[in-house]
Amino acid sequence: MEWLSYAIDYGIIGLLVVLSIISIGVAIERHLLYRRFDVSSYTNKKSLEMELTDRLHIIATIGSNAPYIGLLGTVLGIMLTFYNIGQEGFMDTGKIMVGLALALKATALGLVVAIPSVALYNFLLRRVKVLLALWEMENGRKGI
C-alpha cells in the first residue's frame, strides 16, 4: 500500500497543481483579451458572446471539481492510514498523524485551487457581461 502514498502525493496533488496552472493561465489569457477587446467590430451579439466566453468553462470546471479531487486524496489518505494501523496492530501515534496530515494536505490544496478559480471565473464573467452591455448600448438590441 506504499504506492497509495505516492499516488496521493504525486498523483492527486500533482493533478491539482497542474489544474491550478491551467486555470490561472486561461484567466490571464482571457483578461488580456478583454483589456484590448473591441466590441464594435462585431455585428452579431451571439458571435461576440461566443468569442468572449471561449474557454471560461475550463476555469469553472476546475473551480467546481478541485474540491472533489482534494476530497479523493483525503479519502485515499485515510484509507492508507487505517490500512497501516490494521497491518501493524498497535501503531505509533506519529505514524498515524503523518497519514492524516497527508490526507488533509490533499483537501487543503483542493480548496486552494478551487477558491481562486471560482473567484477568477466570476471576475471574468462580470467582464463579459460589461462588454456585452457595451455592445448593446452601441448597437441597440439588434443582432439578438
N, C-alpha and C. Protein backbone atom coordinates (compact mmCIF):
# COMPACT_ATOMS: atom_id res chain seq x y z
N MET A 1 0.81 -1.21 0.00
CA MET A 1 0.00 0.00 0.00
C MET A 1 0.85 1.27 0.00
N GLU A 2 2.16 1.11 -0.03
CA GLU A 2 3.04 2.28 -0.07
C GLU A 2 2.82 3.08 -1.35
N TRP A 3 2.43 2.40 -2.42
CA TRP A 3 2.17 3.07 -3.69
C TRP A 3 1.04 4.09 -3.56
N LEU A 4 0.12 3.84 -2.62
CA LEU A 4 -1.00 4.76 -2.44
C LEU A 4 -0.52 6.10 -1.90
N SER A 5 0.49 6.06 -1.06
CA SER A 5 1.06 7.30 -0.55
C SER A 5 1.65 8.13 -1.70
N TYR A 6 2.34 7.45 -2.61
CA TYR A 6 2.90 8.16 -3.78
C TYR A 6 1.79 8.63 -4.72
N ALA A 7 0.74 7.84 -4.83
CA ALA A 7 -0.38 8.23 -5.69
C ALA A 7 -1.04 9.50 -5.16
N ILE A 8 -1.12 9.62 -3.85
CA ILE A 8 -1.72 10.82 -3.26
C ILE A 8 -0.78 12.01 -3.45
N ASP A 9 0.49 11.79 -3.08
CA ASP A 9 1.46 12.90 -3.16
C ASP A 9 1.69 13.37 -4.59
N TYR A 10 1.96 12.45 -5.48
CA TYR A 10 2.32 12.85 -6.84
C TYR A 10 1.14 12.84 -7.80
N GLY A 11 0.18 11.96 -7.58
CA GLY A 11 -0.97 11.88 -8.46
C GLY A 11 -1.99 12.97 -8.18
N ILE A 12 -2.59 12.91 -7.00
CA ILE A 12 -3.67 13.85 -6.65
C ILE A 12 -3.12 15.27 -6.53
N ILE A 13 -2.07 15.43 -5.76
CA ILE A 13 -1.52 16.77 -5.54
C ILE A 13 -0.90 17.31 -6.83
N GLY A 14 -0.24 16.45 -7.59
CA GLY A 14 0.30 16.88 -8.88
C GLY A 14 -0.79 17.33 -9.83
N LEU A 15 -1.89 16.57 -9.86
CA LEU A 15 -3.02 16.94 -10.71
C LEU A 15 -3.59 18.30 -10.30
N LEU A 16 -3.70 18.52 -9.01
CA LEU A 16 -4.24 19.81 -8.53
C LEU A 16 -3.31 20.97 -8.89
N VAL A 17 -2.00 20.75 -8.84
CA VAL A 17 -1.06 21.80 -9.23
C VAL A 17 -1.19 22.10 -10.72
N VAL A 18 -1.30 21.06 -11.54
CA VAL A 18 -1.47 21.26 -12.99
C VAL A 18 -2.78 22.00 -13.28
N LEU A 19 -3.85 21.61 -12.61
CA LEU A 19 -5.14 22.29 -12.81
C LEU A 19 -5.06 23.75 -12.40
N SER A 20 -4.33 24.03 -11.34
CA SER A 20 -4.16 25.41 -10.90
C SER A 20 -3.43 26.24 -11.96
N ILE A 21 -2.40 25.67 -12.54
CA ILE A 21 -1.63 26.38 -13.58
C ILE A 21 -2.51 26.62 -14.80
N ILE A 22 -3.30 25.62 -15.17
CA ILE A 22 -4.21 25.78 -16.32
C ILE A 22 -5.22 26.88 -16.06
N SER A 23 -5.82 26.85 -14.88
CA SER A 23 -6.83 27.84 -14.53
C SER A 23 -6.27 29.26 -14.56
N ILE A 24 -5.12 29.44 -13.97
CA ILE A 24 -4.51 30.77 -13.95
C ILE A 24 -4.09 31.19 -15.35
N GLY A 25 -3.56 30.26 -16.13
CA GLY A 25 -3.16 30.57 -17.50
C GLY A 25 -4.33 31.02 -18.36
N VAL A 26 -5.43 30.30 -18.28
CA VAL A 26 -6.62 30.68 -19.05
C VAL A 26 -7.16 32.02 -18.57
N ALA A 27 -7.16 32.24 -17.27
CA ALA A 27 -7.66 33.51 -16.73
C ALA A 27 -6.80 34.69 -17.21
N ILE A 28 -5.51 34.52 -17.21
CA ILE A 28 -4.62 35.59 -17.69
C ILE A 28 -4.85 35.86 -19.17
N GLU A 29 -4.97 34.79 -19.96
CA GLU A 29 -5.23 34.95 -21.39
C GLU A 29 -6.54 35.69 -21.64
N ARG A 30 -7.59 35.31 -20.94
CA ARG A 30 -8.89 35.96 -21.10
C ARG A 30 -8.83 37.42 -20.66
N HIS A 31 -8.17 37.69 -19.54
CA HIS A 31 -8.07 39.07 -19.04
C HIS A 31 -7.34 39.96 -20.05
N LEU A 32 -6.25 39.45 -20.60
CA LEU A 32 -5.51 40.23 -21.59
C LEU A 32 -6.35 40.47 -22.84
N LEU A 33 -7.13 39.47 -23.23
CA LEU A 33 -8.02 39.65 -24.39
C LEU A 33 -9.07 40.72 -24.10
N TYR A 34 -9.68 40.68 -22.93
CA TYR A 34 -10.75 41.63 -22.60
C TYR A 34 -10.22 43.05 -22.50
N ARG A 35 -8.99 43.22 -22.11
CA ARG A 35 -8.43 44.57 -21.97
C ARG A 35 -8.34 45.28 -23.31
N ARG A 36 -8.09 44.55 -24.38
CA ARG A 36 -7.92 45.18 -25.70
C ARG A 36 -9.07 44.83 -26.65
N PHE A 37 -10.17 44.38 -26.11
CA PHE A 37 -11.27 43.89 -26.93
C PHE A 37 -12.08 45.04 -27.50
N ASP A 38 -12.40 44.96 -28.80
CA ASP A 38 -13.20 45.99 -29.47
C ASP A 38 -14.56 45.39 -29.82
N VAL A 39 -15.57 45.76 -29.05
CA VAL A 39 -16.91 45.20 -29.29
C VAL A 39 -17.53 45.74 -30.56
N SER A 40 -17.07 46.89 -31.05
CA SER A 40 -17.68 47.49 -32.24
C SER A 40 -17.36 46.71 -33.51
N SER A 41 -16.39 45.80 -33.46
CA SER A 41 -16.05 45.03 -34.66
C SER A 41 -16.99 43.84 -34.87
N TYR A 42 -17.94 43.65 -33.98
CA TYR A 42 -18.90 42.54 -34.10
C TYR A 42 -20.26 43.09 -34.47
N THR A 43 -20.91 42.42 -35.44
CA THR A 43 -22.25 42.84 -35.85
C THR A 43 -23.31 41.93 -35.26
N ASN A 44 -22.91 40.78 -34.76
CA ASN A 44 -23.85 39.81 -34.22
C ASN A 44 -23.51 39.55 -32.76
N LYS A 45 -24.52 39.67 -31.91
CA LYS A 45 -24.31 39.51 -30.48
C LYS A 45 -23.89 38.08 -30.11
N LYS A 46 -24.45 37.11 -30.79
CA LYS A 46 -24.12 35.70 -30.46
C LYS A 46 -22.66 35.39 -30.77
N SER A 47 -22.15 35.88 -31.89
CA SER A 47 -20.74 35.63 -32.20
C SER A 47 -19.83 36.36 -31.21
N LEU A 48 -20.24 37.54 -30.79
CA LEU A 48 -19.49 38.27 -29.77
C LEU A 48 -19.48 37.49 -28.45
N GLU A 49 -20.63 37.00 -28.06
CA GLU A 49 -20.74 36.24 -26.81
C GLU A 49 -19.92 34.95 -26.87
N MET A 50 -19.93 34.30 -28.01
CA MET A 50 -19.13 33.08 -28.15
C MET A 50 -17.64 33.38 -28.03
N GLU A 51 -17.20 34.47 -28.61
CA GLU A 51 -15.79 34.84 -28.52
C GLU A 51 -15.40 35.21 -27.09
N LEU A 52 -16.27 35.93 -26.41
CA LEU A 52 -15.96 36.38 -25.05
C LEU A 52 -15.95 35.23 -24.04
N THR A 53 -16.83 34.27 -24.23
CA THR A 53 -16.94 33.18 -23.24
C THR A 53 -16.09 31.97 -23.58
N ASP A 54 -15.33 32.05 -24.67
CA ASP A 54 -14.47 30.94 -25.06
C ASP A 54 -13.49 30.61 -23.94
N ARG A 55 -13.41 29.35 -23.55
CA ARG A 55 -12.50 28.79 -22.54
C ARG A 55 -12.85 29.16 -21.10
N LEU A 56 -13.89 29.94 -20.85
CA LEU A 56 -14.28 30.22 -19.47
C LEU A 56 -14.78 28.96 -18.77
N HIS A 57 -15.32 28.03 -19.53
CA HIS A 57 -15.82 26.79 -18.94
C HIS A 57 -14.69 25.98 -18.31
N ILE A 58 -13.48 26.15 -18.80
CA ILE A 58 -12.33 25.43 -18.22
C ILE A 58 -12.10 25.89 -16.78
N ILE A 59 -12.13 27.19 -16.57
CA ILE A 59 -11.92 27.73 -15.23
C ILE A 59 -13.06 27.29 -14.31
N ALA A 60 -14.29 27.34 -14.81
CA ALA A 60 -15.45 26.94 -14.00
C ALA A 60 -15.37 25.46 -13.63
N THR A 61 -14.96 24.62 -14.58
CA THR A 61 -14.86 23.19 -14.33
C THR A 61 -13.78 22.89 -13.29
N ILE A 62 -12.66 23.55 -13.40
CA ILE A 62 -11.59 23.36 -12.42
C ILE A 62 -12.04 23.84 -11.04
N GLY A 63 -12.68 24.99 -11.00
CA GLY A 63 -13.14 25.52 -9.72
C GLY A 63 -14.18 24.65 -9.05
N SER A 64 -15.02 24.02 -9.83
CA SER A 64 -16.07 23.20 -9.22
C SER A 64 -15.59 21.79 -8.88
N ASN A 65 -14.56 21.30 -9.56
CA ASN A 65 -14.12 19.92 -9.33
C ASN A 65 -12.88 19.78 -8.45
N ALA A 66 -12.11 20.82 -8.26
CA ALA A 66 -10.90 20.74 -7.44
C ALA A 66 -11.18 20.28 -6.01
N PRO A 67 -12.26 20.75 -5.36
CA PRO A 67 -12.52 20.24 -4.00
C PRO A 67 -12.78 18.73 -3.98
N TYR A 68 -13.42 18.22 -5.02
CA TYR A 68 -13.69 16.78 -5.06
C TYR A 68 -12.40 15.98 -5.28
N ILE A 69 -11.50 16.52 -6.07
CA ILE A 69 -10.22 15.85 -6.26
C ILE A 69 -9.45 15.85 -4.94
N GLY A 70 -9.49 16.97 -4.23
CA GLY A 70 -8.86 17.03 -2.91
C GLY A 70 -9.51 16.07 -1.93
N LEU A 71 -10.82 15.95 -2.01
CA LEU A 71 -11.54 15.01 -1.14
C LEU A 71 -11.16 13.58 -1.46
N LEU A 72 -10.95 13.28 -2.73
CA LEU A 72 -10.48 11.96 -3.11
C LEU A 72 -9.13 11.66 -2.46
N GLY A 73 -8.24 12.64 -2.48
CA GLY A 73 -6.95 12.48 -1.82
C GLY A 73 -7.11 12.25 -0.33
N THR A 74 -8.07 12.93 0.29
CA THR A 74 -8.33 12.75 1.72
C THR A 74 -8.81 11.34 2.01
N VAL A 75 -9.75 10.87 1.23
CA VAL A 75 -10.28 9.52 1.44
C VAL A 75 -9.18 8.49 1.26
N LEU A 76 -8.38 8.65 0.22
CA LEU A 76 -7.29 7.70 -0.01
C LEU A 76 -6.26 7.76 1.13
N GLY A 77 -5.96 8.94 1.62
CA GLY A 77 -5.01 9.08 2.72
C GLY A 77 -5.52 8.44 4.01
N ILE A 78 -6.79 8.61 4.28
CA ILE A 78 -7.37 7.99 5.48
C ILE A 78 -7.44 6.48 5.32
N MET A 79 -7.76 6.02 4.12
CA MET A 79 -7.74 4.57 3.87
C MET A 79 -6.35 4.00 4.10
N LEU A 80 -5.35 4.70 3.62
CA LEU A 80 -3.97 4.27 3.80
C LEU A 80 -3.61 4.21 5.29
N THR A 81 -4.02 5.22 6.03
CA THR A 81 -3.73 5.25 7.47
C THR A 81 -4.41 4.08 8.18
N PHE A 82 -5.67 3.84 7.88
CA PHE A 82 -6.38 2.71 8.51
C PHE A 82 -5.78 1.37 8.10
N TYR A 83 -5.36 1.27 6.87
CA TYR A 83 -4.72 0.03 6.41
C TYR A 83 -3.44 -0.22 7.20
N ASN A 84 -2.63 0.82 7.34
CA ASN A 84 -1.38 0.67 8.09
C ASN A 84 -1.63 0.33 9.56
N ILE A 85 -2.65 0.92 10.15
CA ILE A 85 -2.99 0.59 11.54
C ILE A 85 -3.41 -0.87 11.62
N GLY A 86 -4.21 -1.32 10.66
CA GLY A 86 -4.66 -2.71 10.65
C GLY A 86 -3.53 -3.69 10.45
N GLN A 87 -2.56 -3.33 9.62
CA GLN A 87 -1.43 -4.22 9.36
C GLN A 87 -0.50 -4.33 10.56
N GLU A 88 -0.25 -3.21 11.22
CA GLU A 88 0.72 -3.20 12.31
C GLU A 88 0.09 -3.45 13.67
N GLY A 89 -1.22 -3.40 13.76
CA GLY A 89 -1.87 -3.56 15.06
C GLY A 89 -1.66 -2.31 15.88
N PHE A 90 -0.84 -2.40 16.90
CA PHE A 90 -0.51 -1.23 17.71
C PHE A 90 0.47 -0.38 16.92
N MET A 91 0.19 0.92 16.85
CA MET A 91 0.99 1.78 15.99
C MET A 91 1.34 3.07 16.71
N ASP A 92 2.51 3.57 16.44
CA ASP A 92 2.95 4.85 17.00
C ASP A 92 2.03 5.96 16.50
N THR A 93 1.63 6.85 17.40
CA THR A 93 0.72 7.93 17.01
C THR A 93 1.36 8.87 15.99
N GLY A 94 2.67 8.95 15.99
CA GLY A 94 3.36 9.79 15.00
C GLY A 94 3.09 9.31 13.59
N LYS A 95 3.08 8.00 13.36
CA LYS A 95 2.79 7.46 12.03
C LYS A 95 1.35 7.72 11.63
N ILE A 96 0.47 7.65 12.60
CA ILE A 96 -0.95 7.91 12.33
C ILE A 96 -1.13 9.37 11.91
N MET A 97 -0.48 10.27 12.63
CA MET A 97 -0.61 11.69 12.33
C MET A 97 -0.02 12.04 10.95
N VAL A 98 1.06 11.36 10.57
CA VAL A 98 1.65 11.59 9.25
C VAL A 98 0.65 11.20 8.16
N GLY A 99 -0.02 10.08 8.34
CA GLY A 99 -1.02 9.64 7.36
C GLY A 99 -2.20 10.59 7.28
N LEU A 100 -2.66 11.06 8.42
CA LEU A 100 -3.78 12.01 8.42
C LEU A 100 -3.37 13.37 7.85
N ALA A 101 -2.13 13.77 8.12
CA ALA A 101 -1.65 15.04 7.56
C ALA A 101 -1.58 14.96 6.04
N LEU A 102 -1.15 13.82 5.52
CA LEU A 102 -1.12 13.62 4.07
C LEU A 102 -2.53 13.74 3.50
N ALA A 103 -3.48 13.15 4.19
CA ALA A 103 -4.87 13.21 3.73
C ALA A 103 -5.39 14.64 3.73
N LEU A 104 -5.14 15.36 4.78
CA LEU A 104 -5.65 16.72 4.87
C LEU A 104 -4.93 17.68 3.94
N LYS A 105 -3.69 17.36 3.60
CA LYS A 105 -2.94 18.19 2.65
C LYS A 105 -3.65 18.20 1.29
N ALA A 106 -4.19 17.07 0.90
CA ALA A 106 -4.90 16.99 -0.38
C ALA A 106 -6.16 17.84 -0.36
N THR A 107 -6.90 17.80 0.74
CA THR A 107 -8.11 18.62 0.86
C THR A 107 -7.77 20.10 0.80
N ALA A 108 -6.76 20.48 1.56
CA ALA A 108 -6.36 21.89 1.59
C ALA A 108 -5.95 22.38 0.21
N LEU A 109 -5.17 21.58 -0.50
CA LEU A 109 -4.74 22.00 -1.83
C LEU A 109 -5.93 22.07 -2.80
N GLY A 110 -6.88 21.16 -2.64
CA GLY A 110 -8.09 21.22 -3.47
C GLY A 110 -8.83 22.53 -3.28
N LEU A 111 -8.90 22.99 -2.05
CA LEU A 111 -9.57 24.27 -1.77
C LEU A 111 -8.73 25.45 -2.25
N VAL A 112 -7.41 25.33 -2.14
CA VAL A 112 -6.52 26.40 -2.60
C VAL A 112 -6.63 26.57 -4.12
N VAL A 113 -6.90 25.50 -4.82
CA VAL A 113 -7.09 25.59 -6.27
C VAL A 113 -8.50 26.10 -6.60
N ALA A 114 -9.50 25.60 -5.88
CA ALA A 114 -10.89 25.91 -6.22
C ALA A 114 -11.27 27.36 -5.93
N ILE A 115 -10.88 27.87 -4.80
CA ILE A 115 -11.32 29.21 -4.40
C ILE A 115 -10.85 30.29 -5.39
N PRO A 116 -9.56 30.35 -5.73
CA PRO A 116 -9.17 31.35 -6.73
C PRO A 116 -9.79 31.11 -8.11
N SER A 117 -9.98 29.84 -8.48
CA SER A 117 -10.58 29.55 -9.79
C SER A 117 -11.99 30.08 -9.87
N VAL A 118 -12.77 29.88 -8.84
CA VAL A 118 -14.15 30.38 -8.82
C VAL A 118 -14.15 31.90 -8.81
N ALA A 119 -13.25 32.51 -8.03
CA ALA A 119 -13.17 33.97 -8.00
C ALA A 119 -12.76 34.52 -9.37
N LEU A 120 -11.79 33.90 -10.01
CA LEU A 120 -11.38 34.34 -11.35
C LEU A 120 -12.50 34.18 -12.36
N TYR A 121 -13.22 33.08 -12.28
CA TYR A 121 -14.34 32.85 -13.19
C TYR A 121 -15.40 33.95 -13.02
N ASN A 122 -15.74 34.26 -11.78
CA ASN A 122 -16.75 35.30 -11.53
C ASN A 122 -16.27 36.66 -11.99
N PHE A 123 -14.99 36.97 -11.78
CA PHE A 123 -14.41 38.23 -12.24
C PHE A 123 -14.49 38.34 -13.76
N LEU A 124 -14.10 37.28 -14.44
CA LEU A 124 -14.11 37.29 -15.90
C LEU A 124 -15.52 37.30 -16.47
N LEU A 125 -16.43 36.58 -15.83
CA LEU A 125 -17.82 36.57 -16.29
C LEU A 125 -18.44 37.97 -16.15
N ARG A 126 -18.10 38.67 -15.10
CA ARG A 126 -18.57 40.04 -14.94
C ARG A 126 -18.05 40.92 -16.07
N ARG A 127 -16.80 40.72 -16.43
CA ARG A 127 -16.21 41.50 -17.53
C ARG A 127 -16.91 41.19 -18.85
N VAL A 128 -17.27 39.93 -19.06
CA VAL A 128 -18.01 39.54 -20.26
C VAL A 128 -19.35 40.27 -20.30
N LYS A 129 -20.03 40.30 -19.18
CA LYS A 129 -21.34 40.97 -19.12
C LYS A 129 -21.22 42.46 -19.41
N VAL A 130 -20.16 43.08 -18.92
CA VAL A 130 -19.93 44.50 -19.19
C VAL A 130 -19.69 44.73 -20.68
N LEU A 131 -18.86 43.89 -21.29
CA LEU A 131 -18.58 44.04 -22.72
C LEU A 131 -19.84 43.80 -23.56
N LEU A 132 -20.65 42.85 -23.17
CA LEU A 132 -21.91 42.62 -23.89
C LEU A 132 -22.86 43.81 -23.73
N ALA A 133 -22.88 44.40 -22.55
CA ALA A 133 -23.73 45.58 -22.34
C ALA A 133 -23.23 46.76 -23.18
N LEU A 134 -21.92 46.91 -23.29
CA LEU A 134 -21.38 47.97 -24.14
C LEU A 134 -21.78 47.75 -25.60
N TRP A 135 -21.74 46.50 -26.06
CA TRP A 135 -22.14 46.20 -27.41
C TRP A 135 -23.62 46.55 -27.62
N GLU A 136 -24.45 46.20 -26.65
CA GLU A 136 -25.89 46.51 -26.76
C GLU A 136 -26.14 48.01 -26.76
N MET A 137 -25.36 48.76 -26.00
CA MET A 137 -25.55 50.22 -25.99
C MET A 137 -25.15 50.82 -27.33
N GLU A 138 -24.12 50.26 -27.96
CA GLU A 138 -23.69 50.77 -29.26
C GLU A 138 -24.62 50.36 -30.39
N ASN A 139 -25.17 49.15 -30.29
CA ASN A 139 -25.94 48.59 -31.39
C ASN A 139 -27.43 48.46 -31.12
N GLY A 140 -27.87 48.98 -30.03
CA GLY A 140 -29.27 48.78 -29.68
C GLY A 140 -29.48 47.32 -29.34
N ARG A 141 -30.62 46.78 -29.64
CA ARG A 141 -30.89 45.37 -29.34
C ARG A 141 -30.88 44.53 -30.61
N LYS A 142 -30.38 45.11 -31.71
CA LYS A 142 -30.34 44.34 -32.96
C LYS A 142 -29.27 43.26 -32.86
N GLY A 143 -29.39 42.26 -33.64
CA GLY A 143 -28.43 41.17 -33.66
C GLY A 143 -28.67 40.12 -32.59
N ILE A 144 -29.76 40.24 -31.85
CA ILE A 144 -30.06 39.27 -30.79
C ILE A 144 -30.63 38.01 -31.38
